[in-house]
N, C-alpha and C. Protein backbone atom coordinates (compact mmCIF):
# COMPACT_ATOMS: atom_id res chain seq x y z
N UNK A 1 23.82 -5.78 -9.78
CA UNK A 1 25.04 -6.40 -9.87
C UNK A 1 25.90 -6.60 -8.56
N UNK A 2 26.30 -7.67 -8.51
CA UNK A 2 27.02 -7.86 -7.13
C UNK A 2 28.71 -8.09 -7.42
N UNK A 3 29.47 -7.29 -7.19
CA UNK A 3 30.84 -7.27 -7.55
C UNK A 3 31.53 -8.45 -6.68
N UNK A 4 32.34 -9.08 -7.12
CA UNK A 4 32.94 -9.91 -6.25
C UNK A 4 34.13 -9.19 -5.45
N UNK A 5 34.40 -9.83 -4.15
CA UNK A 5 35.21 -8.98 -3.21
C UNK A 5 36.65 -9.41 -3.52
N UNK A 6 37.59 -8.41 -3.39
CA UNK A 6 38.85 -8.61 -3.42
C UNK A 6 39.50 -9.37 -2.15
N UNK A 7 39.90 -10.32 -2.36
CA UNK A 7 40.42 -11.27 -1.05
C UNK A 7 41.60 -10.99 -0.32
N UNK A 8 42.13 -10.01 -0.95
CA UNK A 8 43.30 -9.52 -0.39
C UNK A 8 43.23 -8.27 0.72
N UNK A 9 41.93 -7.72 0.45
CA UNK A 9 41.67 -6.70 1.34
C UNK A 9 40.97 -7.23 2.51
N UNK A 10 40.92 -6.48 3.87
CA UNK A 10 40.21 -6.75 4.93
C UNK A 10 38.94 -6.34 4.93
N UNK A 11 37.87 -7.37 5.51
CA UNK A 11 36.62 -7.04 5.60
C UNK A 11 36.25 -6.32 6.67
N UNK A 12 37.12 -6.21 7.70
CA UNK A 12 36.98 -5.28 8.93
C UNK A 12 38.05 -4.13 9.06
N UNK A 13 37.61 -3.34 9.97
CA UNK A 13 38.82 -2.20 10.30
C UNK A 13 39.67 -2.74 11.50
N UNK A 14 40.29 -1.88 11.99
CA UNK A 14 41.17 -2.24 13.10
C UNK A 14 40.16 -2.32 14.41
N UNK A 15 38.89 -1.60 14.54
CA UNK A 15 37.96 -1.73 15.30
C UNK A 15 37.19 -3.04 15.48
N UNK A 16 37.24 -3.67 14.58
CA UNK A 16 36.49 -5.02 14.27
C UNK A 16 35.04 -4.58 13.62
N UNK A 17 34.75 -3.56 13.04
CA UNK A 17 33.54 -3.23 12.30
C UNK A 17 33.86 -3.33 10.72
N UNK A 18 32.74 -3.84 10.31
CA UNK A 18 32.77 -4.00 8.86
C UNK A 18 33.29 -2.77 7.96
N UNK A 19 34.00 -3.10 6.91
CA UNK A 19 34.38 -1.68 6.08
C UNK A 19 33.34 -1.50 5.19
N UNK A 20 33.32 -0.40 4.59
CA UNK A 20 32.16 -0.21 3.73
C UNK A 20 31.90 -1.16 2.76
N UNK A 21 32.91 -1.26 1.93
CA UNK A 21 32.96 -2.30 0.70
C UNK A 21 32.05 -3.63 1.09
N UNK A 22 32.69 -4.25 2.19
CA UNK A 22 32.23 -5.58 2.72
C UNK A 22 30.52 -5.40 3.24
N UNK A 23 30.37 -4.12 3.80
CA UNK A 23 28.93 -3.79 4.28
C UNK A 23 28.10 -3.82 3.24
N UNK A 24 28.41 -3.01 2.17
CA UNK A 24 27.61 -3.01 0.90
C UNK A 24 27.33 -4.43 0.35
N UNK A 25 28.56 -4.94 0.16
CA UNK A 25 28.57 -6.31 -0.60
C UNK A 25 27.51 -7.34 0.28
N UNK A 26 27.43 -7.44 1.53
CA UNK A 26 26.71 -8.17 2.57
C UNK A 26 25.24 -7.55 2.42
N UNK A 27 24.99 -6.43 2.20
CA UNK A 27 23.67 -5.96 2.15
C UNK A 27 23.08 -6.35 0.54
N UNK A 28 23.78 -6.23 -0.34
CA UNK A 28 23.41 -6.54 -1.68
C UNK A 28 23.24 -8.07 -1.82
N UNK A 29 23.96 -9.16 -1.21
CA UNK A 29 23.79 -10.48 -1.18
C UNK A 29 22.44 -10.96 -0.36
N UNK A 30 22.26 -10.24 0.76
CA UNK A 30 21.23 -10.65 1.75
C UNK A 30 19.98 -10.22 0.82
N UNK A 31 19.87 -8.85 -0.13
CA UNK A 31 18.84 -8.54 -0.53
C UNK A 31 18.37 -9.69 -1.65
N UNK A 32 19.23 -10.67 -2.03
CA UNK A 32 18.90 -11.53 -3.37
C UNK A 32 18.04 -12.56 -2.63
N UNK A 33 18.05 -12.99 -1.29
CA UNK A 33 17.33 -13.94 -0.80
C UNK A 33 15.59 -13.64 -0.91
N UNK A 34 14.98 -15.00 -1.17
CA UNK A 34 13.65 -14.83 -1.18
C UNK A 34 12.99 -14.84 0.12
N UNK A 35 12.07 -13.98 0.44
CA UNK A 35 11.55 -13.89 1.62
C UNK A 35 10.27 -15.28 1.42
N UNK A 36 9.82 -15.43 3.01
CA UNK A 36 8.81 -16.53 2.80
C UNK A 36 7.84 -16.19 4.10
N UNK A 37 6.70 -16.42 3.84
CA UNK A 37 5.60 -16.36 4.65
C UNK A 37 4.44 -16.87 4.59
N UNK A 38 3.40 -16.52 5.35
CA UNK A 38 2.22 -17.02 5.03
C UNK A 38 1.27 -15.96 4.61
N UNK A 39 0.34 -16.28 3.31
CA UNK A 39 -0.11 -15.28 2.70
C UNK A 39 0.30 -14.24 1.94
N UNK A 40 -0.60 -13.36 1.24
CA UNK A 40 -0.03 -12.40 0.35
C UNK A 40 0.93 -11.30 1.41
N UNK A 41 1.99 -11.01 0.80
CA UNK A 41 2.68 -9.94 1.25
C UNK A 41 2.10 -8.49 1.18
N UNK A 42 1.13 -8.39 0.46
CA UNK A 42 0.90 -6.80 0.17
C UNK A 42 -0.04 -6.07 1.30
N UNK A 43 0.73 -5.05 1.61
CA UNK A 43 0.48 -4.36 2.75
C UNK A 43 0.88 -4.93 4.15
N UNK A 44 1.72 -6.01 4.01
CA UNK A 44 2.03 -6.50 5.30
C UNK A 44 3.71 -6.43 5.27
N UNK A 45 4.17 -7.15 4.21
CA UNK A 45 5.60 -7.01 4.03
C UNK A 45 6.32 -5.98 3.51
N UNK A 46 7.17 -5.34 4.45
CA UNK A 46 8.12 -4.22 3.72
C UNK A 46 9.38 -4.91 3.05
N UNK A 47 9.63 -4.28 1.94
CA UNK A 47 10.82 -4.72 1.42
C UNK A 47 11.27 -3.80 0.10
N UNK A 48 12.59 -3.88 -0.47
CA UNK A 48 13.06 -3.17 -1.53
C UNK A 48 12.43 -3.66 -2.75
N UNK A 49 12.57 -2.74 -3.74
CA UNK A 49 11.97 -3.18 -5.25
C UNK A 49 12.51 -4.27 -5.61
N UNK A 50 11.98 -5.26 -6.27
CA UNK A 50 12.42 -6.30 -6.98
C UNK A 50 12.70 -7.43 -5.87
N UNK A 51 12.48 -7.30 -4.82
CA UNK A 51 12.44 -8.64 -3.88
C UNK A 51 11.45 -9.53 -4.13
N UNK A 52 11.57 -10.82 -3.90
CA UNK A 52 10.75 -11.93 -4.20
C UNK A 52 10.43 -12.52 -2.59
N UNK A 53 9.29 -12.91 -2.80
CA UNK A 53 8.27 -13.47 -1.63
C UNK A 53 7.63 -14.62 -1.93
N UNK A 54 7.69 -15.49 -1.10
CA UNK A 54 7.08 -17.06 -1.61
C UNK A 54 6.15 -17.23 -0.41
N UNK A 55 5.01 -17.43 -0.59
CA UNK A 55 3.68 -17.84 0.05
C UNK A 55 3.87 -19.28 0.31
N UNK A 56 4.05 -19.64 1.61
CA UNK A 56 4.12 -21.26 2.00
C UNK A 56 2.95 -21.74 2.00
N UNK A 57 2.03 -21.22 2.19
CA UNK A 57 0.46 -21.78 1.72
C UNK A 57 -0.31 -21.25 0.63
N UNK A 58 0.37 -20.94 -0.35
CA UNK A 58 -0.19 -20.77 -1.70
C UNK A 58 -0.48 -22.03 -2.52
N UNK A 59 -1.45 -21.86 -3.26
CA UNK A 59 -1.65 -23.00 -4.27
C UNK A 59 -1.26 -22.49 -5.57
N UNK A 60 -1.16 -23.56 -6.52
CA UNK A 60 -0.64 -23.46 -7.86
C UNK A 60 -1.08 -21.98 -8.26
N UNK A 61 -0.24 -21.17 -8.63
CA UNK A 61 -0.40 -19.94 -9.11
C UNK A 61 -0.58 -18.97 -8.38
N UNK A 62 -0.35 -18.97 -6.98
CA UNK A 62 -0.93 -18.25 -5.84
C UNK A 62 0.40 -18.51 -4.98
N UNK A 63 1.67 -18.49 -5.54
CA UNK A 63 2.66 -18.71 -4.62
C UNK A 63 4.05 -17.69 -4.58
N UNK A 64 4.28 -17.26 -5.82
CA UNK A 64 5.39 -16.35 -6.09
C UNK A 64 5.06 -14.84 -6.18
N UNK A 65 5.71 -14.11 -5.53
CA UNK A 65 5.29 -12.58 -5.43
C UNK A 65 6.80 -11.63 -5.95
N UNK A 66 6.69 -10.76 -6.64
CA UNK A 66 7.66 -9.66 -6.46
C UNK A 66 7.46 -8.32 -6.16
N UNK A 67 8.20 -7.69 -5.60
CA UNK A 67 8.02 -6.34 -5.39
C UNK A 67 8.11 -5.37 -6.20
N UNK A 68 7.26 -4.92 -7.02
CA UNK A 68 7.26 -4.24 -8.37
C UNK A 68 7.53 -2.62 -8.02
N UNK A 69 6.94 -2.08 -7.08
CA UNK A 69 6.94 -0.75 -6.71
C UNK A 69 7.69 -0.46 -5.53
N UNK A 70 8.61 0.60 -5.62
CA UNK A 70 9.45 1.10 -4.14
C UNK A 70 9.02 1.30 -3.27
N UNK A 71 7.55 2.11 -2.97
CA UNK A 71 6.84 2.40 -2.29
C UNK A 71 5.35 2.91 -2.84
N UNK A 72 4.50 3.41 -1.85
CA UNK A 72 3.13 4.15 -2.61
C UNK A 72 3.45 5.41 -2.93
N UNK A 73 4.63 5.90 -2.83
CA UNK A 73 4.60 7.47 -2.69
C UNK A 73 4.77 8.15 -1.59
N UNK A 74 4.30 7.61 -0.40
CA UNK A 74 4.25 8.27 0.87
C UNK A 74 5.14 7.48 1.63
N UNK A 75 5.97 6.58 1.27
CA UNK A 75 7.10 6.00 1.96
C UNK A 75 6.55 4.60 2.40
N UNK A 76 5.57 3.98 2.17
CA UNK A 76 5.07 2.70 2.56
C UNK A 76 5.54 1.53 1.69
N UNK A 77 6.55 0.73 2.08
CA UNK A 77 7.51 0.00 1.54
C UNK A 77 6.67 -1.60 1.51
N UNK A 78 5.54 -1.43 2.11
CA UNK A 78 4.74 -2.90 2.07
C UNK A 78 3.83 -2.88 1.08
N UNK A 79 3.62 -2.00 0.14
CA UNK A 79 2.70 -1.94 -0.94
C UNK A 79 3.52 -2.00 -2.35
N UNK A 80 2.69 -2.74 -3.32
CA UNK A 80 3.42 -2.74 -4.60
C UNK A 80 3.78 -4.18 -5.10
N UNK A 81 3.41 -5.19 -4.16
CA UNK A 81 3.63 -6.70 -4.72
C UNK A 81 2.48 -6.99 -5.67
N UNK A 82 3.43 -7.65 -6.72
CA UNK A 82 2.41 -8.64 -7.70
C UNK A 82 2.68 -9.93 -7.72
N UNK A 83 1.43 -10.51 -7.86
CA UNK A 83 1.89 -12.07 -7.89
C UNK A 83 2.36 -12.62 -9.55
N UNK A 84 3.07 -13.27 -9.81
CA UNK A 84 3.60 -13.74 -10.74
C UNK A 84 3.50 -15.38 -10.95
């Protein structure tokens, strides 16, 4: 769940760097974007669990993937995609 930002609070500190609450919000919003590419992402595209991927060259029934598994247990985040 992504919480709405409080518009009365600054998004950067005095040094011009993002404050933690804005940085976290931006990361969460970015994670909602669907990744796109050519071919299956399995073993190729690293992503966090629940990320969506669309194969630009896919045919009917072979287009959308969801990252089901966080990693392969050894830290490989390119494993665990399923076709939906």
